Amino acid sequence: MPGFAYGEGTRVSESFGQTTVDVDPGGWVGLLESARAGGYEFFDWLTAVDEPPEAFAVVAHLFAPVSHAHLLLRTRVPRADPRLPSAVGVFRGADWHERETFEMFGVVFEGHPNLVPLLLPEGFEGFPLRKDFVLAARVAKAWPGAKEPGESGHGSPSRRKTLPPGVPADWGHERGT
């Protein structure tokens, strides 16, 4: 496995044979640069994980082609102001990943050359991969897939319909009826 100096303020752990390095947001770009110089030259992916109520974890996966070693790099940004320096200056392949993470979670990558929407239609409001995002389509339109108990004509009798996960109990219902 390639070796490199993780730097001050990092926390290194291993889980299921995977080395993971956690760093504060201020050390994010320095950690990426150090990993690249240490043989992790292939940028695989970058995304975020919503960890309410405090923060988002931003995670990047790197690969060392010579030694076939994998490395996860993580940092946490506050939910109230999710900002992180862009990794595009270190790995050009981070461009679309940061754009997608910005669009889906609202994490702003400072210094990104073109931080504009990538996937969602123009005028879309909200961040659909945040855990507090209401999945309105699950209420407005029948969700394809398995039927509710009792709908198939055999089996147990129908039960009270429940809202899909992520939809508040009072959402979509007329008030006062």
C-alpha atoms as a PDB file:
ATOM      1  CA  MET A   1       0.000   0.000   0.000  1.00  0.00           C
ATOM      2  CA  PRO A   2       1.384   3.430  -0.868  1.00  0.00           C
ATOM      3  CA  GLY A   3       2.493   5.409   2.104  1.00  0.00           C
ATOM      4  CA  PHE A   4       2.329   9.137   2.632  1.00  0.00           C
ATOM      5  CA  ALA A   5       2.272  11.561   5.498  1.00  0.00           C
ATOM      6  CA  TYR A   6      -1.389  12.059   6.340  1.00  0.00           C
ATOM      7  CA  GLY A   7      -0.564  15.315   8.047  1.00  0.00           C
ATOM      8  CA  GLU A   8      -1.364  16.948  11.329  1.00  0.00           C
ATOM      9  CA  GLY A   9      -4.968  16.894  12.474  1.00  0.00           C
ATOM     10  CA  THR A  10      -5.907  13.731  10.594  1.00  0.00           C
ATOM     11  CA  ARG A  11      -7.479  10.651  12.107  1.00  0.00           C
ATOM     12  CA  VAL A  12      -6.685   7.328  10.421  1.00  0.00           C
ATOM     13  CA  SER A  13      -8.835   4.244  10.869  1.00  0.00           C
ATOM     14  CA  GLU A  14      -9.291   0.914   9.178  1.00  0.00           C
ATOM     15  CA  SER A  15     -12.570  -0.883   8.669  1.00  0.00           C
ATOM     16  CA  PHE A  16     -13.139  -4.025   6.602  1.00  0.00           C
ATOM     17  CA  GLY A  17      -9.642  -3.652   5.159  1.00  0.00           C
ATOM     18  CA  GLN A  18     -10.348  -0.105   3.978  1.00  0.00           C
ATOM     19  CA  THR A  19      -8.130   2.739   5.190  1.00  0.00           C
ATOM     20  CA  THR A  20     -10.101   5.882   6.008  1.00  0.00           C
ATOM     21  CA  VAL A  21      -8.606   9.275   6.793  1.00  0.00           C
ATOM     22  CA  ASP A  22     -10.714  11.968   8.474  1.00  0.00           C
ATOM     23  CA  VAL A  23      -9.626  15.594   8.387  1.00  0.00           C
ATOM     24  CA  ASP A  24     -11.082  18.978   9.281  1.00  0.00           C
ATOM     25  CA  PRO A  25     -12.364  21.030   6.320  1.00  0.00           C
ATOM     26  CA  GLY A  26      -9.318  23.318   6.407  1.00  0.00           C
ATOM     27  CA  GLY A  27      -7.016  20.362   5.708  1.00  0.00           C
ATOM     28  CA  TRP A  28      -9.134  18.858   2.902  1.00  0.00           C
ATOM     29  CA  VAL A  29      -7.132  20.045  -0.118  1.00  0.00           C
ATOM     30  CA  GLY A  30      -3.789  19.411   1.610  1.00  0.00           C
ATOM     31  CA  LEU A  31      -4.844  15.830   2.355  1.00  0.00           C
ATOM     32  CA  LEU A  32      -5.882  15.295  -1.278  1.00  0.00           C
ATOM     33  CA  GLU A  33      -2.546  16.692  -2.500  1.00  0.00           C
ATOM     34  CA  SER A  34      -0.599  14.508  -0.100  1.00  0.00           C
ATOM     35  CA  ALA A  35      -2.535  11.399  -1.111  1.00  0.00           C
ATOM     36  CA  ARG A  36      -1.952  12.084  -4.795  1.00  0.00           C
ATOM     37  CA  ALA A  37       1.769  12.618  -4.227  1.00  0.00           C
ATOM     38  CA  GLY A  38       1.792   9.383  -2.201  1.00  0.00           C
ATOM     39  CA  GLY A  39       0.583   7.256  -5.115  1.00  0.00           C
ATOM     40  CA  TYR A  40      -3.191   7.612  -4.941  1.00  0.00           C
ATOM     41  CA  GLU A  41      -3.386   9.067  -8.442  1.00  0.00           C
ATOM     42  CA  PHE A  42      -6.827   7.833  -9.500  1.00  0.00           C
ATOM     43  CA  PHE A  43      -9.810   9.869  -8.318  1.00  0.00           C
ATOM     44  CA  ASP A  44     -12.792   7.492  -8.253  1.00  0.00           C
ATOM     45  CA  TRP A  45     -15.716   9.417  -6.726  1.00  0.00           C
ATOM     46  CA  LEU A  46     -16.831  12.119  -4.296  1.00  0.00           C
ATOM     47  CA  THR A  47     -20.201  12.515  -2.587  1.00  0.00           C
ATOM     48  CA  ALA A  48     -21.840  13.661   0.633  1.00  0.00           C
ATOM     49  CA  VAL A  49     -23.734  11.917   3.409  1.00  0.00           C
ATOM     50  CA  ASP A  50     -26.454  13.808   5.256  1.00  0.00           C
ATOM     51  CA  GLU A  51     -25.857  13.476   8.990  1.00  0.00           C
ATOM     52  CA  PRO A  52     -28.653  15.546  10.559  1.00  0.00           C
ATOM     53  CA  PRO A  53     -28.973  17.679  12.497  1.00  0.00           C
ATOM     54  CA  GLU A  54     -25.376  18.915  12.595  1.00  0.00           C
ATOM     55  CA  ALA A  55     -23.433  18.232   9.415  1.00  0.00           C
ATOM     56  CA  PHE A  56     -22.736  16.695   6.044  1.00  0.00           C
ATOM     57  CA  ALA A  57     -19.856  14.282   5.614  1.00  0.00           C
ATOM     58  CA  VAL A  58     -18.032  14.743   2.317  1.00  0.00           C
ATOM     59  CA  VAL A  59     -16.330  11.531   1.216  1.00  0.00           C
ATOM     60  CA  ALA A  60     -13.853  10.896  -1.605  1.00  0.00           C
ATOM     61  CA  HIS A  61     -12.496   7.555  -2.785  1.00  0.00           C
ATOM     62  CA  LEU A  62      -8.995   7.367  -4.263  1.00  0.00           C
ATOM     63  CA  PHE A  63      -7.119   4.448  -5.792  1.00  0.00           C
ATOM     64  CA  ALA A  64      -3.386   3.730  -6.206  1.00  0.00           C
ATOM     65  CA  PRO A  65      -2.983   2.015  -9.603  1.00  0.00           C
ATOM     66  CA  VAL A  66       0.497   0.641  -8.893  1.00  0.00           C
ATOM     67  CA  SER A  67      -0.266  -1.034  -5.566  1.00  0.00           C
ATOM     68  CA  HIS A  68      -4.040  -1.489  -6.072  1.00  0.00           C
ATOM     69  CA  ALA A  69      -4.697   0.203  -2.718  1.00  0.00           C
ATOM     70  CA  HIS A  70      -7.931   2.052  -1.908  1.00  0.00           C
ATOM     71  CA  LEU A  71      -8.310   5.096   0.330  1.00  0.00           C
ATOM     72  CA  LEU A  72     -11.367   6.915   1.682  1.00  0.00           C
ATOM     73  CA  LEU A  73     -10.969  10.554   2.654  1.00  0.00           C
ATOM     74  CA  ARG A  74     -13.657  12.235   4.763  1.00  0.00           C
ATOM     75  CA  THR A  75     -14.436  15.601   6.241  1.00  0.00           C
ATOM     76  CA  ARG A  76     -17.504  17.118   7.873  1.00  0.00           C
ATOM     77  CA  VAL A  77     -19.005  20.497   7.018  1.00  0.00           C
ATOM     78  CA  PRO A  78     -21.643  22.206   9.174  1.00  0.00           C
ATOM     79  CA  ARG A  79     -25.215  21.914   7.932  1.00  0.00           C
ATOM     80  CA  ALA A  80     -25.851  25.616   8.582  1.00  0.00           C
ATOM     81  CA  ASP A  81     -23.104  26.692   6.132  1.00  0.00           C
ATOM     82  CA  PRO A  82     -21.838  23.687   4.141  1.00  0.00           C
ATOM     83  CA  ARG A  83     -18.677  24.957   2.431  1.00  0.00           C
ATOM     84  CA  LEU A  84     -15.513  23.156   1.419  1.00  0.00           C
ATOM     85  CA  PRO A  85     -12.560  24.059  -0.813  1.00  0.00           C
ATOM     86  CA  SER A  86     -12.833  22.491  -4.255  1.00  0.00           C
ATOM     87  CA  ALA A  87     -10.770  19.393  -5.110  1.00  0.00           C
ATOM     88  CA  VAL A  88     -10.745  20.224  -8.846  1.00  0.00           C
ATOM     89  CA  GLY A  89      -7.293  21.807  -8.602  1.00  0.00           C
ATOM     90  CA  VAL A  90      -5.901  18.465  -7.398  1.00  0.00           C
ATOM     91  CA  PHE A  91      -8.097  16.019  -9.351  1.00  0.00           C
ATOM     92  CA  ARG A  92      -9.839  17.377 -12.459  1.00  0.00           C
ATOM     93  CA  GLY A  93     -12.214  14.411 -12.281  1.00  0.00           C
ATOM     94  CA  ALA A  94     -13.758  15.902  -9.138  1.00  0.00           C
ATOM     95  CA  ASP A  95     -15.523  18.536 -11.287  1.00  0.00           C
ATOM     96  CA  TRP A  96     -18.802  16.714 -11.978  1.00  0.00           C
ATOM     97  CA  HIS A  97     -18.832  14.990  -8.603  1.00  0.00           C
ATOM     98  CA  GLU A  98     -18.683  18.347  -6.813  1.00  0.00           C
ATOM     99  CA  ARG A  99     -21.381  19.764  -9.087  1.00  0.00           C
ATOM    100  CA  GLU A 100     -23.651  16.815  -8.319  1.00  0.00           C
ATOM    101  CA  THR A 101     -22.963  17.055  -4.567  1.00  0.00           C
ATOM    102  CA  PHE A 102     -23.692  20.804  -4.698  1.00  0.00           C
ATOM    103  CA  GLU A 103     -26.954  20.206  -6.544  1.00  0.00           C
ATOM    104  CA  MET A 104     -28.193  17.263  -4.482  1.00  0.00           C
ATOM    105  CA  PHE A 105     -27.008  18.285  -0.981  1.00  0.00           C
ATOM    106  CA  GLY A 106     -26.272  22.016  -1.183  1.00  0.00           C
ATOM    107  CA  VAL A 107     -22.570  21.722  -0.289  1.00  0.00           C
ATOM    108  CA  VAL A 108     -20.744  24.705  -1.817  1.00  0.00           C
ATOM    109  CA  PHE A 109     -17.273  23.927  -3.194  1.00  0.00           C
ATOM    110  CA  GLU A 110     -15.355  27.192  -3.018  1.00  0.00           C
ATOM    111  CA  GLY A 111     -13.036  27.801  -5.948  1.00  0.00           C
ATOM    112  CA  HIS A 112     -14.887  25.383  -8.234  1.00  0.00           C
ATOM    113  CA  PRO A 113     -14.565  26.616 -11.843  1.00  0.00           C
ATOM    114  CA  ASN A 114     -18.225  26.053 -12.820  1.00  0.00           C
ATOM    115  CA  LEU A 115     -20.476  25.202  -9.882  1.00  0.00           C
ATOM    116  CA  VAL A 116     -23.797  25.059 -11.778  1.00  0.00           C
ATOM    117  CA  PRO A 117     -26.629  22.484 -11.785  1.00  0.00           C
ATOM    118  CA  LEU A 118     -25.850  19.253 -13.578  1.00  0.00           C
ATOM    119  CA  LEU A 119     -28.847  16.892 -13.356  1.00  0.00           C
ATOM    120  CA  LEU A 120     -32.061  18.542 -12.193  1.00  0.00           C
ATOM    121  CA  PRO A 121     -34.444  20.538 -14.403  1.00  0.00           C
ATOM    122  CA  GLU A 122     -34.142  24.317 -14.472  1.00  0.00           C
ATOM    123  CA  GLY A 123     -36.009  25.950 -11.608  1.00  0.00           C
ATOM    124  CA  PHE A 124     -35.904  22.897  -9.322  1.00  0.00           C
ATOM    125  CA  GLU A 125     -36.075  23.969  -5.686  1.00  0.00           C
ATOM    126  CA  GLY A 126     -34.419  22.178  -2.795  1.00  0.00           C
ATOM    127  CA  PHE A 127     -31.788  19.498  -2.367  1.00  0.00           C
ATOM    128  CA  PRO A 128     -33.305  16.057  -3.054  1.00  0.00           C
ATOM    129  CA  LEU A 129     -30.716  13.921  -1.252  1.00  0.00           C
ATOM    130  CA  ARG A 130     -31.054  15.725   2.063  1.00  0.00           C
ATOM    131  CA  LYS A 131     -32.973  13.671   4.591  1.00  0.00           C
ATOM    132  CA  ASP A 132     -35.400  16.541   5.267  1.00  0.00           C
ATOM    133  CA  PHE A 133     -36.441  16.803   1.585  1.00  0.00           C
ATOM    134  CA  VAL A 134     -40.115  15.845   1.151  1.00  0.00           C
ATOM    135  CA  LEU A 135     -40.584  13.252  -1.574  1.00  0.00           C
ATOM    136  CA  ALA A 136     -43.773  14.814  -2.944  1.00  0.00           C
ATOM    137  CA  ALA A 137     -43.948  12.507  -5.956  1.00  0.00           C
ATOM    138  CA  ARG A 138     -44.552   9.550  -3.644  1.00  0.00           C
ATOM    139  CA  VAL A 139     -47.788  11.144  -2.478  1.00  0.00           C
ATOM    140  CA  ALA A 140     -48.931  12.847  -5.681  1.00  0.00           C
ATOM    141  CA  LYS A 141     -48.484   9.772  -7.890  1.00  0.00           C
ATOM    142  CA  ALA A 142     -48.858   6.091  -7.080  1.00  0.00           C
ATOM    143  CA  TRP A 143     -45.471   4.531  -6.436  1.00  0.00           C
ATOM    144  CA  PRO A 144     -44.714   1.612  -8.772  1.00  0.00           C
ATOM    145  CA  GLY A 145     -43.821  -1.756  -7.349  1.00  0.00           C
ATOM    146  CA  ALA A 146     -45.329  -3.987  -4.718  1.00  0.00           C
ATOM    147  CA  LYS A 147     -49.006  -3.615  -3.955  1.00  0.00           C
ATOM    148  CA  GLU A 148     -50.395  -2.849  -0.539  1.00  0.00           C
ATOM    149  CA  PRO A 149     -51.736  -5.863   1.411  1.00  0.00           C
ATOM    150  CA  GLY A 150     -55.205  -6.789   0.162  1.00  0.00           C
ATOM    151  CA  GLU A 151     -54.860  -5.081  -3.243  1.00  0.00           C
ATOM    152  CA  SER A 152     -53.952  -8.272  -5.079  1.00  0.00           C
ATOM    153  CA  GLY A 153     -57.322  -9.919  -4.405  1.00  0.00           C
ATOM    154  CA  HIS A 154     -55.831 -12.544  -2.132  1.00  0.00           C
ATOM    155  CA  GLY A 155     -53.833 -12.484   1.065  1.00  0.00           C
ATOM    156  CA  SER A 156     -54.485 -10.453   4.166  1.00  0.00           C
ATOM    157  CA  PRO A 157     -57.153  -7.739   4.241  1.00  0.00           C
ATOM    158  CA  SER A 158     -56.233  -4.182   3.432  1.00  0.00           C
ATOM    159  CA  ARG A 159     -54.675  -2.111   6.180  1.00  0.00           C
ATOM    160  CA  ARG A 160     -54.645   1.617   6.732  1.00  0.00           C
ATOM    161  CA  LYS A 161     -52.646   3.312   3.989  1.00  0.00           C
ATOM    162  CA  THR A 162     -49.404   4.830   5.237  1.00  0.00           C
ATOM    163  CA  LEU A 163     -47.327   7.541   3.670  1.00  0.00           C
ATOM    164  CA  PRO A 164     -44.022   6.583   2.077  1.00  0.00           C
ATOM    165  CA  PRO A 165     -40.826   7.155   4.063  1.00  0.00           C
ATOM    166  CA  GLY A 166     -39.694  10.766   4.128  1.00  0.00           C
ATOM    167  CA  VAL A 167     -43.184  12.285   3.846  1.00  0.00           C
ATOM    168  CA  PRO A 168     -44.544  14.104   6.912  1.00  0.00           C
ATOM    169  CA  ALA A 169     -47.856  12.711   8.240  1.00  0.00           C
ATOM    170  CA  ASP A 170     -49.839  15.892   7.532  1.00  0.00           C
ATOM    171  CA  TRP A 171     -48.333  16.596   4.113  1.00  0.00           C
ATOM    172  CA  GLY A 172     -50.648  16.708   1.106  1.00  0.00           C
ATOM    173  CA  HIS A 173     -53.908  16.572   3.076  1.00  0.00           C
ATOM    174  CA  GLU A 174     -56.508  19.299   2.940  1.00  0.00           C
ATOM    175  CA  ARG A 175     -56.849  21.150   6.231  1.00  0.00           C
ATOM    176  CA  GLY A 176     -60.258  21.034   7.880  1.00  0.00           C
ATOM    177  CA  THR A 177     -61.682  18.056   5.967  1.00  0.00           C
END
